[in-house]
C-alpha atoms as a PDB file:
ATOM      1  CA  UNK A   1       9.354  11.947  -6.175  1.00  0.00           C
ATOM      2  CA  UNK A   2       6.455   9.661  -7.067  1.00  0.00           C
ATOM      3  CA  UNK A   3       3.625   8.278  -4.981  1.00  0.00           C
ATOM      4  CA  UNK A   4       1.451   5.224  -5.122  1.00  0.00           C
ATOM      5  CA  UNK A   5      -2.117   5.642  -3.900  1.00  0.00           C
ATOM      6  CA  UNK A   6      -3.865   2.352  -3.232  1.00  0.00           C
ATOM      7  CA  UNK A   7      -7.550   2.278  -2.385  1.00  0.00           C
ATOM      8  CA  UNK A   8      -9.478  -0.872  -1.604  1.00  0.00           C
ATOM      9  CA  UNK A   9     -11.809  -2.600   0.816  1.00  0.00           C
ATOM     10  CA  UNK A  10     -10.611  -5.108   3.402  1.00  0.00           C
ATOM     11  CA  UNK A  11     -12.364  -7.944   5.214  1.00  0.00           C
ATOM     12  CA  UNK A  12     -11.328  -6.627   8.629  1.00  0.00           C
ATOM     13  CA  UNK A  13      -9.584  -3.279   9.164  1.00  0.00           C
ATOM     14  CA  UNK A  14      -7.924  -4.280  12.437  1.00  0.00           C
ATOM     15  CA  UNK A  15      -6.474  -7.462  10.892  1.00  0.00           C
ATOM     16  CA  UNK A  16      -5.309  -5.524   7.843  1.00  0.00           C
ATOM     17  CA  UNK A  17      -3.704  -2.761   9.923  1.00  0.00           C
ATOM     18  CA  UNK A  18      -1.905  -5.206  12.219  1.00  0.00           C
ATOM     19  CA  UNK A  19      -0.428  -6.953   9.182  1.00  0.00           C
ATOM     20  CA  UNK A  20       0.398  -3.693   7.431  1.00  0.00           C
ATOM     21  CA  UNK A  21       2.240  -2.410  10.523  1.00  0.00           C
ATOM     22  CA  UNK A  22       4.062  -5.692  11.176  1.00  0.00           C
ATOM     23  CA  UNK A  23       7.872  -5.616  11.254  1.00  0.00           C
ATOM     24  CA  UNK A  24       8.027  -8.022   8.291  1.00  0.00           C
ATOM     25  CA  UNK A  25       5.799  -5.820   6.107  1.00  0.00           C
ATOM     26  CA  UNK A  26       7.699  -2.698   7.138  1.00  0.00           C
ATOM     27  CA  UNK A  27      11.001  -4.390   6.248  1.00  0.00           C
ATOM     28  CA  UNK A  28       9.718  -5.220   2.756  1.00  0.00           C
ATOM     29  CA  UNK A  29       8.575  -1.639   2.191  1.00  0.00           C
ATOM     30  CA  UNK A  30      11.926  -0.257   3.346  1.00  0.00           C
ATOM     31  CA  UNK A  31      13.864  -2.740   1.196  1.00  0.00           C
ATOM     32  CA  UNK A  32      11.775  -1.782  -1.839  1.00  0.00           C
ATOM     33  CA  UNK A  33      12.359   1.954  -1.469  1.00  0.00           C
ATOM     34  CA  UNK A  34       9.247   3.241   0.286  1.00  0.00           C
ATOM     35  CA  UNK A  35      10.517   6.457   1.887  1.00  0.00           C
ATOM     36  CA  UNK A  36       7.262   7.616   3.488  1.00  0.00           C
ATOM     37  CA  UNK A  37       3.845   6.086   3.994  1.00  0.00           C
ATOM     38  CA  UNK A  38       0.431   6.852   5.412  1.00  0.00           C
ATOM     39  CA  UNK A  39      -2.656   4.688   5.851  1.00  0.00           C
ATOM     40  CA  UNK A  40      -6.219   5.979   6.110  1.00  0.00           C
ATOM     41  CA  UNK A  41      -9.649   4.462   6.697  1.00  0.00           C
ATOM     42  CA  UNK A  42     -12.780   5.889   5.100  1.00  0.00           C
ATOM     43  CA  UNK A  43     -15.173   7.808   7.311  1.00  0.00           C
ATOM     44  CA  UNK A  44     -18.145   6.682   5.209  1.00  0.00           C
ATOM     45  CA  UNK A  45     -17.137   3.016   4.677  1.00  0.00           C
ATOM     46  CA  UNK A  46     -15.385   1.506   7.666  1.00  0.00           C
ATOM     47  CA  UNK A  47     -13.792  -1.304   5.655  1.00  0.00           C
ATOM     48  CA  UNK A  48     -12.296   0.888   2.907  1.00  0.00           C
ATOM     49  CA  UNK A  49      -8.680   1.938   3.293  1.00  0.00           C
ATOM     50  CA  UNK A  50      -6.301   4.125   1.342  1.00  0.00           C
ATOM     51  CA  UNK A  51      -2.529   3.854   1.526  1.00  0.00           C
ATOM     52  CA  UNK A  52      -0.037   6.393   0.179  1.00  0.00           C
ATOM     53  CA  UNK A  53       3.562   5.287  -0.411  1.00  0.00           C
ATOM     54  CA  UNK A  54       6.312   7.686  -1.494  1.00  0.00           C
ATOM     55  CA  UNK A  55       9.216   6.553  -3.706  1.00  0.00           C
ATOM     56  CA  UNK A  56      12.213   8.364  -5.175  1.00  0.00           C
ATOM     57  CA  UNK A  57      11.577   6.985  -8.697  1.00  0.00           C
ATOM     58  CA  UNK A  58       8.854   5.423 -10.789  1.00  0.00           C
ATOM     59  CA  UNK A  59      11.206   2.466 -11.349  1.00  0.00           C
ATOM     60  CA  UNK A  60      11.276   1.772  -7.599  1.00  0.00           C
ATOM     61  CA  UNK A  61       7.496   2.087  -7.420  1.00  0.00           C
ATOM     62  CA  UNK A  62       7.017  -0.380 -10.278  1.00  0.00           C
ATOM     63  CA  UNK A  63       9.487  -2.840  -8.729  1.00  0.00           C
ATOM     64  CA  UNK A  64       7.412  -2.724  -5.544  1.00  0.00           C
ATOM     65  CA  UNK A  65       4.192  -3.478  -7.462  1.00  0.00           C
ATOM     66  CA  UNK A  66       5.872  -6.357  -9.327  1.00  0.00           C
ATOM     67  CA  UNK A  67       7.134  -7.943  -6.114  1.00  0.00           C
ATOM     68  CA  UNK A  68       5.520 -11.352  -5.422  1.00  0.00           C
ATOM     69  CA  UNK A  69       5.431 -10.448  -1.704  1.00  0.00           C
ATOM     70  CA  UNK A  70       3.253  -7.427  -2.527  1.00  0.00           C
ATOM     71  CA  UNK A  71       0.671  -9.557  -4.303  1.00  0.00           C
ATOM     72  CA  UNK A  72       0.751 -12.306  -1.657  1.00  0.00           C
ATOM     73  CA  UNK A  73       0.429  -9.708   1.099  1.00  0.00           C
ATOM     74  CA  UNK A  74      -2.787  -8.340  -0.382  1.00  0.00           C
ATOM     75  CA  UNK A  75      -4.434 -11.732  -0.084  1.00  0.00           C
ATOM     76  CA  UNK A  76      -2.978 -12.475   3.357  1.00  0.00           C
ATOM     77  CA  UNK A  77      -4.217  -9.164   4.766  1.00  0.00           C
ATOM     78  CA  UNK A  78      -7.759  -9.666   3.458  1.00  0.00           C
ATOM     79  CA  UNK A  79      -7.741  -7.075   0.689  1.00  0.00           C
ATOM     80  CA  UNK A  80     -10.882  -7.304  -1.449  1.00  0.00           C
ATOM     81  CA  UNK A  81     -11.218  -6.637  -5.170  1.00  0.00           C
ATOM     82  CA  UNK A  82     -11.305  -4.245  -6.890  1.00  0.00           C
ATOM     83  CA  UNK A  83      -8.023  -2.627  -5.961  1.00  0.00           C
ATOM     84  CA  UNK A  84      -7.464   0.878  -7.276  1.00  0.00           C
ATOM     85  CA  UNK A  85      -3.778   1.675  -7.782  1.00  0.00           C
ATOM     86  CA  UNK A  86      -2.819   5.156  -9.004  1.00  0.00           C
ATOM     87  CA  UNK A  87       0.668   6.510  -9.575  1.00  0.00           C
ATOM     88  CA  UNK A  88       1.437  10.229  -9.356  1.00  0.00           C
ATOM     89  CA  UNK A  89       4.517  12.302  -9.921  1.00  0.00           C
ATOM     90  CA  UNK A  90       5.328  15.603  -8.288  1.00  0.00           C
ATOM     91  CA  UNK A  91       4.693  18.759 -10.296  1.00  0.00           C
ATOM     92  CA  UNK A  92       7.607  21.131 -10.421  1.00  0.00           C
END
């Protein structure tokens, strides 16, 4: 099991969350192998969000990051630079 932790600011949290939760976005995540997900908003900075996506393999995670829809979605949802993307694997 591997996870992707994405942390970034957004122009508008409500707009971002509505897009993130949309059926189209959910369908892309399911198609690309996201098996669990959670979204958070910072308590200190109300426009900073963190998303955790779980994947079975690092290959699936990388395919998700390489997807043109992923990159286009960031812009469409108002994600601001810089974007911090970290990949973790489960310790056994």
